[in-house]
Amino acid sequence: MLLAVISLSATSTLAQLSPGDLASPHEDLEGITNCTKCHELGEGPSADKCMVCHTLIRDRLDNHRGFHYQAVTIEGKSCFVCHNDHAGRDFELVHWPDGQDGFDHSGTGFELTGKHASLACRDCHNPSLVKEDLRAREPSKDLTRTFLGLGRDCLSCHKDEHRGQLGPDCLRCHTNDRFKPVAAFDHAATRFALTGKHRTVDCAKCHPVVQESGAGGVVGTYTKYSGIRADNCTSCHKDKHQSRFGLDCTKCHQTSGWHEVKMAGFDHRTTDFPLVGLHSTLACEKCHTSGSMTGKIAHERCQDCHKDYHSGQFASRADGGACDACHNEHGFSPPLFSVADHARTDFALTGAHLAQPCIACHKMQSTPDGGVVRQFAVAHEQCTSCHSDPHAGQFASNERVKQCTVCHTDEDWHMVEIDHDRETRYPLLGAHRSVPCSGCHKQETVSGQTITRYRPVAHECRDCHRVGADLKEL
C-alpha cells in the first residue's frame, strides 16, 4: 500500500514538472533525470545545451553560414522560437510559419532564382544530393528529413556536361534560368580569340560532339572544348596552295575574308590600276582569270569588265557615256547624279518633283532581246506625259487653258491659283466673290470617274437662282 502511494506521488510530481511528452526525435530524453540535458536549473531551455547534440548546426554557426546563422546570430532568435517541444510524440519540431512553400530561402545564403525557384524543396533536399558526411557527426541523422548537407556550387547537384573541360564556375556562361542558350562567353579569354568571320561560325563547326567511353562501352556524348588544335590555319582549313607558299596563311590572308588578300604586302597602287572601293575587296582571280598575276588586263573603260546596264542610252553624250559621270568604285548605287546635274538637263527638278525618287519617272522597260532596262529618256513636254488628267478632258479644246500651269504649280497640286475674271468668260462680281468654288463647280461622275465640273458651267442668273419663287416671297 505504501509502495502504491509512493508510486502515485512520483507520477503526480512528474506530471507537475513536465508540460507534456517530448516529440519523438527527443523521446530518449524523457524522464526527470534528463531535464538538465536541455534546461538550466531554475531557468528555461538552453540554446547552448542544444548545440551539444546538434553539432552540425553548431558548425554552421561557427562558420557564419546557413539559415541558422542568419536566424540566431543576425536576427537574435533562440532555438525555441521555431522548435518548441513537450507537445506530444507526433509534434513536428520544425515550425514553418508560412509552410515550406512560403519559406524565404534567401536567409540560407543561397537565394533561389530562375528555375530553382519553381522546384519543390525535396527536389534538392534529398539523400542523393547530400554531399557532406552528416552521419559522421550525428549518426542518427535522417537524410530523408534533413535540409543540411547540400553543396552550393552547380556541380554539387548537376552533372558536368563538359566533363571538367571548362572548370567548375558554370555561371561564367550559363544562368539559373536555362542551360541553353549560353548567356555570355568571351572567347577572347581563351588562347584563340575569335576575329573576322570566325565570329559568325557556328560553335559546332569547331567544337565537335564526341563519344564518352566507359566500362560498358559508349556511355554518353559531350562537346569537345579543350584540346582543339588552333596553332595554324591548316588545323581547320585545307591549304588550297598545297604549301607552295608556306604554312603562314596570314602573310596573304586575314580572318575578315579569304578573298581579302594582302599578297604579302603587295601594293596594287604600284600598277597602272590602283584598287579602290569595291575593287579592293575582290579576289585576285576575279580579274586575273588566267591565274597569272602579271598578264595584261584591259581596264581603260568600265565596260572592259562590266556590262553596260543602260544599254547604250548615254553613248551619244560628249563623254561617250562614261560611267564615272554617275558612279564610282564604292558602289553602283546610289548614283552620284545630283539635283544640280538634273538642272542641266532639259527638265530641271523643282517643287514637288524634288521629292520624287528617280524610279518614279525612270521606270524599267523591256528590250528587244527580252531583257529589261531603266529608261532615262522620258517624255515630259506636257504634265499629262506623266500625270493623269483629273478633269477628264474638260480643258482639252482650249490651247491655253489645257496647260496645267495656268491653275496649278509644281509645289502642290492642291494650291490652285486662277484669275477668274481674266481666264474665264464669267467675271466674279459682288457677292459672287465670296461664294466657294464648290458652290458653282459641283462634282459629278463621267465614265466612272468622279470629277469637278468646270466646263461647261451654266452661268445665267436663272440657272442658279429661283427668280420666280423669290418674287413671290417679296
Protein backbone atom coordinates (compact mmCIF):
# COMPACT_ATOMS: atom_id res chain seq x y z
CA MET A 1 0.00 0.00 0.00
CA LEU A 2 2.85 2.35 0.87
CA LEU A 3 4.61 1.50 -2.40
CA ALA A 4 1.46 2.36 -4.34
CA VAL A 5 1.25 5.76 -2.65
CA ILE A 6 4.91 6.48 -3.34
CA SER A 7 4.48 5.45 -6.99
CA LEU A 8 1.39 7.59 -7.37
CA SER A 9 3.16 10.52 -5.74
CA ALA A 10 6.14 10.25 -8.12
CA THR A 11 3.87 10.13 -11.15
CA SER A 12 1.96 13.17 -9.94
CA THR A 13 5.18 15.10 -9.31
CA LEU A 14 6.48 14.29 -12.81
CA ALA A 15 3.22 15.44 -14.33
CA GLN A 16 3.54 18.72 -12.44
CA LEU A 17 7.14 19.25 -13.60
CA SER A 18 6.74 18.26 -17.29
CA PRO A 19 4.33 20.22 -19.55
CA GLY A 20 3.93 17.22 -21.86
CA ASP A 21 5.57 14.38 -23.71
CA LEU A 22 8.63 15.16 -25.80
CA ALA A 23 8.43 14.87 -29.59
CA SER A 24 9.59 11.53 -30.98
CA PRO A 25 13.11 12.78 -32.01
CA HIS A 26 13.71 13.66 -28.32
CA GLU A 27 11.88 10.77 -26.67
CA ASP A 28 15.14 9.25 -25.46
CA LEU A 29 15.48 12.36 -23.24
CA GLU A 30 12.19 11.68 -21.47
CA GLY A 31 12.38 11.44 -17.70
CA ILE A 32 13.08 13.78 -14.82
CA THR A 33 16.74 12.79 -14.66
CA ASN A 34 17.31 14.09 -18.19
CA CYS A 35 15.80 17.58 -17.77
CA THR A 36 19.17 19.24 -17.23
CA LYS A 37 20.37 17.97 -20.60
CA CYS A 38 18.18 20.69 -22.15
CA HIS A 39 17.29 23.03 -19.24
CA GLU A 40 19.35 25.06 -16.82
CA LEU A 41 18.26 24.63 -13.20
CA GLY A 42 15.72 27.25 -12.36
CA GLU A 43 15.79 28.52 -15.96
CA GLY A 44 14.17 27.73 -19.24
CA PRO A 45 15.66 25.64 -22.04
CA SER A 46 19.27 26.46 -23.04
CA ALA A 47 20.37 27.04 -26.64
CA ASP A 48 23.93 26.14 -25.64
CA LYS A 49 22.76 22.73 -24.48
CA CYS A 50 21.01 22.22 -27.83
CA MET A 51 24.38 22.61 -29.55
CA VAL A 52 25.83 19.74 -27.51
CA CYS A 53 23.77 17.33 -29.58
CA HIS A 54 23.15 19.37 -32.72
CA THR A 55 26.80 19.63 -33.74
CA LEU A 56 26.00 20.19 -37.42
CA ILE A 57 24.08 23.35 -36.57
CA ARG A 58 26.87 24.44 -34.24
CA ASP A 59 29.40 24.08 -37.10
CA ARG A 60 27.31 26.34 -39.29
CA LEU A 61 27.01 28.97 -36.58
CA ASP A 62 30.76 28.86 -36.02
CA ASN A 63 31.40 29.20 -39.77
CA HIS A 64 28.86 32.01 -40.24
CA ARG A 65 26.80 30.24 -42.85
CA GLY A 66 23.35 28.81 -43.35
CA PHE A 67 19.86 29.69 -42.23
CA HIS A 68 20.52 29.15 -38.51
CA TYR A 69 23.39 31.63 -38.54
CA GLN A 70 21.04 34.22 -40.05
CA ALA A 71 18.24 33.44 -37.56
CA VAL A 72 20.30 33.03 -34.38
CA THR A 73 23.30 35.32 -34.83
CA ILE A 74 21.93 38.03 -37.11
CA GLU A 75 18.28 38.14 -36.02
CA GLY A 76 18.90 37.09 -32.39
CA LYS A 77 16.28 34.34 -32.25
CA SER A 78 16.55 31.40 -29.85
CA CYS A 79 16.13 27.79 -30.88
CA PHE A 80 12.75 27.60 -29.13
CA VAL A 81 11.08 30.27 -31.29
CA CYS A 82 10.86 27.71 -34.05
CA HIS A 83 11.49 24.39 -32.27
CA ASN A 84 9.19 24.14 -29.24
CA ASP A 85 8.84 20.77 -27.51
CA HIS A 86 6.72 18.90 -24.89
CA ALA A 87 3.74 18.91 -27.25
CA GLY A 88 3.47 15.16 -27.73
CA ARG A 89 5.18 12.39 -29.62
CA ASP A 90 3.68 13.34 -33.00
CA PHE A 91 4.52 17.03 -32.74
CA GLU A 92 6.70 18.37 -35.59
CA LEU A 93 9.71 20.14 -34.09
CA VAL A 94 10.35 22.11 -37.28
CA HIS A 95 7.94 25.04 -37.36
CA TRP A 96 7.04 26.55 -40.74
CA PRO A 97 5.08 29.78 -40.12
CA ASP A 98 4.17 30.14 -43.81
CA GLY A 99 4.56 26.48 -44.78
CA GLN A 100 7.52 25.06 -46.63
CA ASP A 101 6.41 26.64 -49.91
CA GLY A 102 6.43 30.09 -48.30
CA PHE A 103 9.91 29.75 -46.79
CA ASP A 104 12.27 32.62 -47.69
CA HIS A 105 15.29 30.73 -48.95
CA SER A 106 17.42 33.86 -49.23
CA GLY A 107 18.04 33.62 -45.48
CA THR A 108 20.08 30.46 -46.05
CA GLY A 109 22.70 32.28 -48.07
CA PHE A 110 21.53 30.57 -51.28
CA GLU A 111 18.79 32.60 -52.92
CA LEU A 112 16.51 30.66 -55.25
CA THR A 113 16.43 32.33 -58.67
CA GLY A 114 15.42 31.25 -62.14
CA LYS A 115 14.39 27.60 -62.47
CA HIS A 116 15.47 26.92 -58.87
CA ALA A 117 12.53 28.98 -57.61
CA SER A 118 10.00 26.58 -59.15
CA LEU A 119 11.41 23.39 -57.60
CA ALA A 120 9.87 21.55 -54.68
CA CYS A 121 12.04 21.51 -51.54
CA ARG A 122 12.74 17.76 -51.72
CA ASP A 123 13.80 18.01 -55.37
CA CYS A 124 17.08 19.30 -53.97
CA HIS A 125 16.98 18.28 -50.33
CA ASN A 126 17.14 14.53 -50.81
CA PRO A 127 19.74 11.94 -49.76
CA SER A 128 21.17 11.55 -53.27
CA LEU A 129 22.37 15.15 -53.31
CA VAL A 130 23.74 15.36 -49.74
CA LYS A 131 27.47 15.83 -50.14
CA GLU A 132 28.56 16.18 -46.50
CA ASP A 133 29.02 13.09 -44.35
CA LEU A 134 26.39 14.18 -41.86
CA ARG A 135 26.20 10.83 -40.09
CA ALA A 136 29.88 11.02 -39.17
CA ARG A 137 28.90 13.87 -36.83
CA GLU A 138 25.35 12.82 -35.99
CA PRO A 139 24.89 9.06 -36.55
CA SER A 140 21.13 9.24 -36.08
CA LYS A 141 20.63 11.95 -38.72
CA ASP A 142 17.71 11.08 -41.01
CA LEU A 143 18.84 12.10 -44.51
CA THR A 144 15.28 11.99 -45.83
CA ARG A 145 14.25 14.76 -43.45
CA THR A 146 17.32 16.96 -43.14
CA PHE A 147 17.86 20.22 -45.00
CA LEU A 148 21.60 20.19 -44.36
CA GLY A 149 24.50 18.86 -46.37
CA LEU A 150 23.95 20.31 -49.85
CA GLY A 151 26.76 22.00 -51.74
CA ARG A 152 26.42 25.49 -53.18
CA ASP A 153 28.26 25.07 -56.47
CA CYS A 154 26.36 23.95 -59.57
CA LEU A 155 28.21 20.68 -59.92
CA SER A 156 27.19 19.53 -56.44
CA CYS A 157 23.71 18.93 -57.88
CA HIS A 158 24.14 18.97 -61.65
CA LYS A 159 26.13 16.69 -63.92
CA ASP A 160 29.10 18.39 -65.57
CA GLU A 161 28.13 18.25 -69.24
CA HIS A 162 31.63 19.47 -70.13
CA ARG A 163 33.47 16.74 -68.23
CA GLY A 164 35.74 19.17 -66.39
CA GLN A 165 36.98 20.92 -69.54
CA LEU A 166 35.79 24.40 -68.52
CA GLY A 167 36.21 24.36 -64.76
CA PRO A 168 33.57 24.45 -62.00
CA ASP A 169 32.24 28.02 -62.48
CA CYS A 170 29.17 27.28 -64.62
CA LEU A 171 27.77 30.80 -64.19
CA ARG A 172 30.51 32.22 -66.40
CA CYS A 173 28.45 31.04 -69.36
CA HIS A 174 25.06 29.88 -68.08
CA THR A 175 22.31 31.34 -65.91
CA ASN A 176 19.84 29.91 -63.41
CA ASP A 177 17.04 30.50 -65.92
CA ARG A 178 18.21 27.99 -68.51
CA PHE A 179 21.21 25.94 -69.59
CA LYS A 180 20.84 26.93 -73.24
CA PRO A 181 21.47 29.22 -74.96
CA VAL A 182 24.74 30.31 -73.40
CA ALA A 183 24.22 33.70 -71.76
CA ALA A 184 27.69 35.07 -72.33
CA PHE A 185 31.08 33.68 -73.21
CA ASP A 186 34.13 35.75 -74.08
CA HIS A 187 36.17 33.66 -76.48
CA ALA A 188 38.96 36.24 -76.21
CA ALA A 189 39.65 34.85 -72.75
CA THR A 190 40.77 31.59 -74.38
CA ARG A 191 44.01 31.03 -76.26
CA PHE A 192 42.16 31.55 -79.56
CA ALA A 193 40.38 34.91 -79.81
CA LEU A 194 37.68 34.99 -82.49
CA THR A 195 38.15 37.69 -85.12
CA GLY A 196 36.65 38.41 -88.52
CA LYS A 197 34.46 35.70 -89.96
CA HIS A 198 35.37 33.33 -87.14
CA ARG A 199 32.88 35.31 -85.05
CA THR A 200 29.94 34.09 -87.15
CA VAL A 201 30.93 30.42 -87.36
CA ASP A 202 28.63 28.03 -85.51
CA CYS A 203 30.37 26.71 -82.38
CA ALA A 204 29.75 23.13 -83.51
CA LYS A 205 31.88 23.67 -86.62
CA CYS A 206 34.99 23.75 -84.43
CA HIS A 207 33.76 22.01 -81.29
CA PRO A 208 32.51 18.55 -82.28
CA VAL A 209 30.36 16.19 -80.24
CA VAL A 210 32.43 13.22 -79.11
CA GLN A 211 31.51 9.92 -77.51
CA GLU A 212 32.32 9.20 -73.89
CA SER A 213 33.54 5.70 -73.21
CA GLY A 214 33.12 3.79 -70.00
CA ALA A 215 33.32 0.30 -68.63
CA GLY A 216 30.30 -0.75 -70.66
CA GLY A 217 31.41 0.93 -73.89
CA VAL A 218 29.91 4.26 -75.03
CA VAL A 219 28.13 5.80 -72.04
CA GLY A 220 27.29 9.20 -73.47
CA THR A 221 28.37 12.15 -75.56
CA TYR A 222 29.70 15.63 -74.84
CA THR A 223 31.01 18.62 -76.77
CA LYS A 224 34.77 18.91 -77.01
CA TYR A 225 36.04 22.33 -75.90
CA SER A 226 39.60 21.70 -74.74
CA GLY A 227 42.42 20.25 -76.79
CA ILE A 228 41.26 21.85 -80.07
CA ARG A 229 44.21 22.49 -82.37
CA ALA A 230 44.49 26.13 -83.36
CA ASP A 231 48.21 26.66 -83.88
CA ASN A 232 47.81 27.18 -87.62
CA CYS A 233 45.07 27.90 -90.15
CA THR A 234 45.59 24.47 -91.70
CA SER A 235 44.45 22.90 -88.43
CA CYS A 236 40.93 23.58 -89.69
CA HIS A 237 41.27 24.79 -93.29
CA LYS A 238 42.51 22.99 -96.38
CA ASP A 239 45.57 24.61 -97.94
CA LYS A 240 44.45 25.39 -101.47
CA HIS A 241 48.02 26.31 -102.37
CA GLN A 242 49.31 22.91 -101.24
CA SER A 243 52.03 24.50 -99.10
CA ARG A 244 53.65 26.26 -102.10
CA PHE A 245 53.61 29.50 -100.11
CA GLY A 246 54.43 28.02 -96.72
CA LEU A 247 52.12 27.44 -93.76
CA ASP A 248 51.69 31.03 -92.61
CA CYS A 249 48.43 31.87 -94.33
CA THR A 250 48.28 35.26 -92.60
CA LYS A 251 51.03 36.55 -94.88
CA CYS A 252 48.38 37.00 -97.56
CA HIS A 253 45.01 36.30 -95.96
CA GLN A 254 43.08 37.59 -92.97
CA THR A 255 40.12 36.40 -90.93
CA SER A 256 37.81 39.10 -92.28
CA GLY A 257 37.58 37.13 -95.52
CA TRP A 258 39.59 34.60 -97.50
CA HIS A 259 39.45 36.80 -100.58
CA GLU A 260 40.77 39.87 -98.78
CA VAL A 261 44.27 39.02 -99.95
CA LYS A 262 47.22 41.08 -98.77
CA MET A 263 49.55 39.34 -101.19
CA ALA A 264 52.41 39.53 -98.68
CA GLY A 265 52.39 43.32 -98.71
CA PHE A 266 51.83 43.70 -102.46
CA ASP A 267 50.67 47.25 -103.19
CA HIS A 268 48.45 47.36 -106.26
CA ARG A 269 48.97 51.12 -106.42
CA THR A 270 52.34 50.44 -107.98
CA THR A 271 50.49 49.28 -111.11
CA ASP A 272 48.54 51.46 -113.53
CA PHE A 273 45.28 50.37 -111.88
CA PRO A 274 45.13 51.16 -108.14
CA LEU A 275 42.47 49.13 -106.36
CA VAL A 276 39.98 51.39 -104.57
CA GLY A 277 36.45 50.94 -103.27
CA LEU A 278 34.81 47.62 -104.02
CA HIS A 279 37.68 46.68 -106.33
CA SER A 280 39.88 46.29 -103.27
CA THR A 281 37.62 43.55 -101.86
CA LEU A 282 37.66 41.34 -104.94
CA ALA A 283 39.55 38.10 -105.09
CA CYS A 284 42.54 38.37 -107.39
CA GLU A 285 41.09 35.62 -109.59
CA LYS A 286 38.00 37.75 -110.40
CA CYS A 287 40.22 39.86 -112.66
CA HIS A 288 43.22 37.62 -113.14
CA THR A 289 41.13 34.84 -114.62
CA SER A 290 44.06 33.10 -116.29
CA GLY A 291 45.74 32.53 -112.94
CA SER A 292 48.66 34.73 -113.93
CA MET A 293 49.12 37.81 -111.78
CA THR A 294 51.36 39.57 -114.28
CA GLY A 295 49.38 39.28 -117.50
CA LYS A 296 47.97 42.48 -119.08
CA ILE A 297 44.30 43.10 -118.34
CA ALA A 298 42.20 45.68 -120.23
CA HIS A 299 40.90 48.26 -117.78
CA GLU A 300 40.80 51.60 -119.60
CA ARG A 301 37.00 51.67 -119.59
CA CYS A 302 34.49 50.25 -117.11
CA GLN A 303 32.92 48.28 -119.96
CA ASP A 304 36.15 46.31 -120.28
CA CYS A 305 34.92 44.34 -117.25
CA HIS A 306 31.37 45.48 -116.60
CA LYS A 307 28.22 45.18 -118.68
CA ASP A 308 26.56 48.44 -119.75
CA TYR A 309 23.36 48.24 -117.71
CA HIS A 310 21.95 51.25 -119.58
CA SER A 311 22.12 49.54 -122.98
CA GLY A 312 23.91 52.44 -124.69
CA GLN A 313 21.39 55.15 -123.73
CA PHE A 314 24.23 57.57 -122.88
CA ALA A 315 26.60 56.67 -125.69
CA SER A 316 25.77 59.88 -127.59
CA ARG A 317 26.90 62.14 -124.77
CA ALA A 318 30.08 64.15 -125.11
CA ASP A 319 31.88 61.80 -122.71
CA GLY A 320 30.66 58.75 -124.58
CA GLY A 321 28.59 57.56 -121.63
CA ALA A 322 31.49 57.39 -119.16
CA CYS A 323 30.31 55.53 -116.07
CA ASP A 324 32.19 57.77 -113.64
CA ALA A 325 29.88 60.65 -114.51
CA CYS A 326 27.29 58.99 -112.23
CA HIS A 327 29.04 56.12 -110.44
CA ASN A 328 32.29 55.32 -108.65
CA GLU A 329 34.12 52.27 -107.37
CA HIS A 330 32.40 52.42 -103.98
CA GLY A 331 29.11 51.13 -105.37
CA PHE A 332 26.84 51.25 -108.39
CA SER A 333 24.03 52.60 -106.20
CA PRO A 334 23.18 55.22 -105.22
CA PRO A 335 24.29 57.18 -108.31
CA LEU A 336 26.30 60.39 -107.99
CA PHE A 337 23.93 62.24 -110.36
CA SER A 338 22.64 65.15 -108.30
CA VAL A 339 19.75 67.61 -108.45
CA ALA A 340 22.22 70.18 -109.77
CA ASP A 341 23.17 67.76 -112.56
CA HIS A 342 19.48 67.24 -113.36
CA ALA A 343 19.05 71.02 -113.64
CA ARG A 344 21.47 70.97 -116.58
CA THR A 345 19.14 68.65 -118.49
CA ASP A 346 16.05 69.90 -120.35
CA PHE A 347 13.89 69.16 -117.32
CA ALA A 348 15.08 70.84 -114.12
CA LEU A 349 13.54 69.40 -110.97
CA THR A 350 11.55 71.96 -108.99
CA GLY A 351 8.78 71.92 -106.39
CA ALA A 352 7.28 68.56 -105.50
CA HIS A 353 9.32 66.89 -108.26
CA LEU A 354 12.33 67.22 -105.97
CA ALA A 355 10.75 64.79 -103.51
CA GLN A 356 10.22 62.05 -106.08
CA PRO A 357 12.61 59.08 -106.22
CA CYS A 358 14.35 58.63 -109.56
CA ILE A 359 12.49 55.38 -110.24
CA ALA A 360 9.12 57.17 -110.07
CA CYS A 361 9.82 58.67 -113.50
CA HIS A 362 12.59 56.43 -114.83
CA LYS A 363 10.89 53.05 -114.98
CA MET A 364 12.03 49.66 -116.19
CA GLN A 365 11.17 48.82 -119.81
CA SER A 366 11.57 45.70 -121.87
CA THR A 367 14.29 45.50 -124.52
CA PRO A 368 14.03 43.73 -127.89
CA ASP A 369 16.33 40.95 -126.66
CA GLY A 370 13.93 40.03 -123.85
CA GLY A 371 15.75 41.89 -121.10
CA VAL A 372 14.78 44.97 -119.13
CA VAL A 373 16.50 48.33 -118.79
CA ARG A 374 15.75 51.50 -116.87
CA GLN A 375 14.58 54.17 -119.28
CA PHE A 376 16.22 57.59 -118.86
CA ALA A 377 14.83 59.38 -121.92
CA VAL A 378 11.38 60.29 -120.59
CA ALA A 379 8.66 62.36 -122.32
CA HIS A 380 7.99 65.49 -120.28
CA GLU A 381 6.66 68.16 -122.65
CA GLN A 382 3.19 68.06 -121.07
CA CYS A 383 2.17 67.39 -117.47
CA THR A 384 -0.06 64.64 -118.82
CA SER A 385 3.04 62.84 -120.09
CA CYS A 386 3.33 61.56 -116.53
CA HIS A 387 0.15 62.62 -114.73
CA SER A 388 -3.44 61.55 -115.50
CA ASP A 389 -5.95 64.31 -116.33
CA PRO A 390 -8.25 64.62 -113.29
CA HIS A 391 -10.55 66.91 -115.29
CA ALA A 392 -11.46 64.25 -117.88
CA GLY A 393 -10.56 66.47 -120.85
CA GLN A 394 -12.67 69.48 -119.92
CA PHE A 395 -9.87 71.85 -120.96
CA ALA A 396 -8.52 69.89 -123.93
CA SER A 397 -10.20 72.12 -126.54
CA ASN A 398 -8.59 75.35 -125.30
CA GLU A 399 -4.91 75.55 -126.21
CA ARG A 400 -4.13 77.93 -123.36
CA VAL A 401 -6.41 76.53 -120.69
CA LYS A 402 -5.24 72.94 -121.27
CA GLN A 403 -1.85 73.93 -119.87
CA CYS A 404 -1.97 72.70 -116.25
CA THR A 405 0.30 75.54 -115.12
CA VAL A 406 -2.48 78.11 -115.79
CA CYS A 407 -4.07 76.98 -112.48
CA HIS A 408 -1.50 74.73 -110.79
CA THR A 409 2.15 74.83 -109.77
CA ASP A 410 4.61 72.01 -109.20
CA GLU A 411 4.80 72.94 -105.49
CA ASP A 412 1.44 71.37 -104.64
CA TRP A 413 -1.38 70.21 -106.91
CA HIS A 414 -3.98 71.49 -104.46
CA MET A 415 -2.60 75.06 -104.47
CA VAL A 416 -4.83 76.45 -107.24
CA GLU A 417 -4.26 79.99 -108.47
CA ILE A 418 -6.55 81.35 -111.20
CA ASP A 419 -7.68 84.81 -112.23
CA HIS A 420 -11.38 84.08 -112.73
CA ASP A 421 -12.02 87.46 -114.31
CA ARG A 422 -9.28 87.11 -116.94
CA GLU A 423 -9.09 83.39 -117.59
CA THR A 424 -12.85 82.68 -117.80
CA ARG A 425 -15.82 84.29 -119.52
CA TYR A 426 -17.63 84.84 -116.25
CA PRO A 427 -16.05 87.56 -114.07
CA LEU A 428 -16.91 87.26 -110.39
CA LEU A 429 -18.71 90.39 -109.21
CA GLY A 430 -20.29 91.43 -105.94
CA ALA A 431 -21.42 88.64 -103.67
CA HIS A 432 -20.19 86.04 -106.16
CA ARG A 433 -16.63 86.69 -104.96
CA SER A 434 -17.44 85.23 -101.54
CA VAL A 435 -19.05 82.05 -102.89
CA PRO A 436 -16.74 78.99 -102.53
CA CYS A 437 -15.71 77.31 -105.79
CA SER A 438 -17.77 74.24 -104.90
CA GLY A 439 -20.89 76.45 -104.83
CA CYS A 440 -20.89 76.54 -108.62
CA HIS A 441 -18.45 73.76 -109.61
CA LYS A 442 -20.12 70.54 -108.49
CA GLN A 443 -18.77 67.02 -108.52
CA GLU A 444 -20.19 64.53 -110.99
CA THR A 445 -19.31 61.15 -112.46
CA VAL A 446 -18.11 60.87 -116.06
CA SER A 447 -17.37 57.38 -117.44
CA GLY A 448 -16.94 56.05 -113.93
CA GLN A 449 -14.56 58.90 -112.92
CA THR A 450 -15.56 61.46 -110.29
CA ILE A 451 -14.64 64.96 -111.50
CA THR A 452 -15.40 68.55 -110.63
CA ARG A 453 -17.36 70.25 -113.41
CA TYR A 454 -15.58 73.36 -114.72
CA ARG A 455 -16.61 73.42 -118.38
CA PRO A 456 -19.29 73.96 -119.43
CA VAL A 457 -20.99 75.54 -116.40
CA ALA A 458 -24.35 77.29 -116.65
CA HIS A 459 -23.94 80.92 -115.62
CA GLU A 460 -27.21 82.69 -116.33
CA CYS A 461 -28.92 84.06 -113.21
CA ARG A 462 -31.88 81.75 -113.63
CA ASP A 463 -29.54 78.76 -113.86
CA CYS A 464 -28.63 79.17 -110.19
CA HIS A 465 -31.31 81.42 -108.67
CA ARG A 466 -35.07 80.70 -108.42
CA VAL A 467 -36.15 84.14 -109.64
CA GLY A 468 -39.95 83.49 -109.74
CA ALA A 469 -40.02 81.97 -106.25
CA ASP A 470 -38.00 84.87 -104.89
CA LEU A 471 -40.51 87.41 -106.31
CA LYS A 472 -43.47 85.61 -104.72
CA GLU A 473 -41.78 85.75 -101.40
CA LEU A 474 -41.43 89.52 -101.88
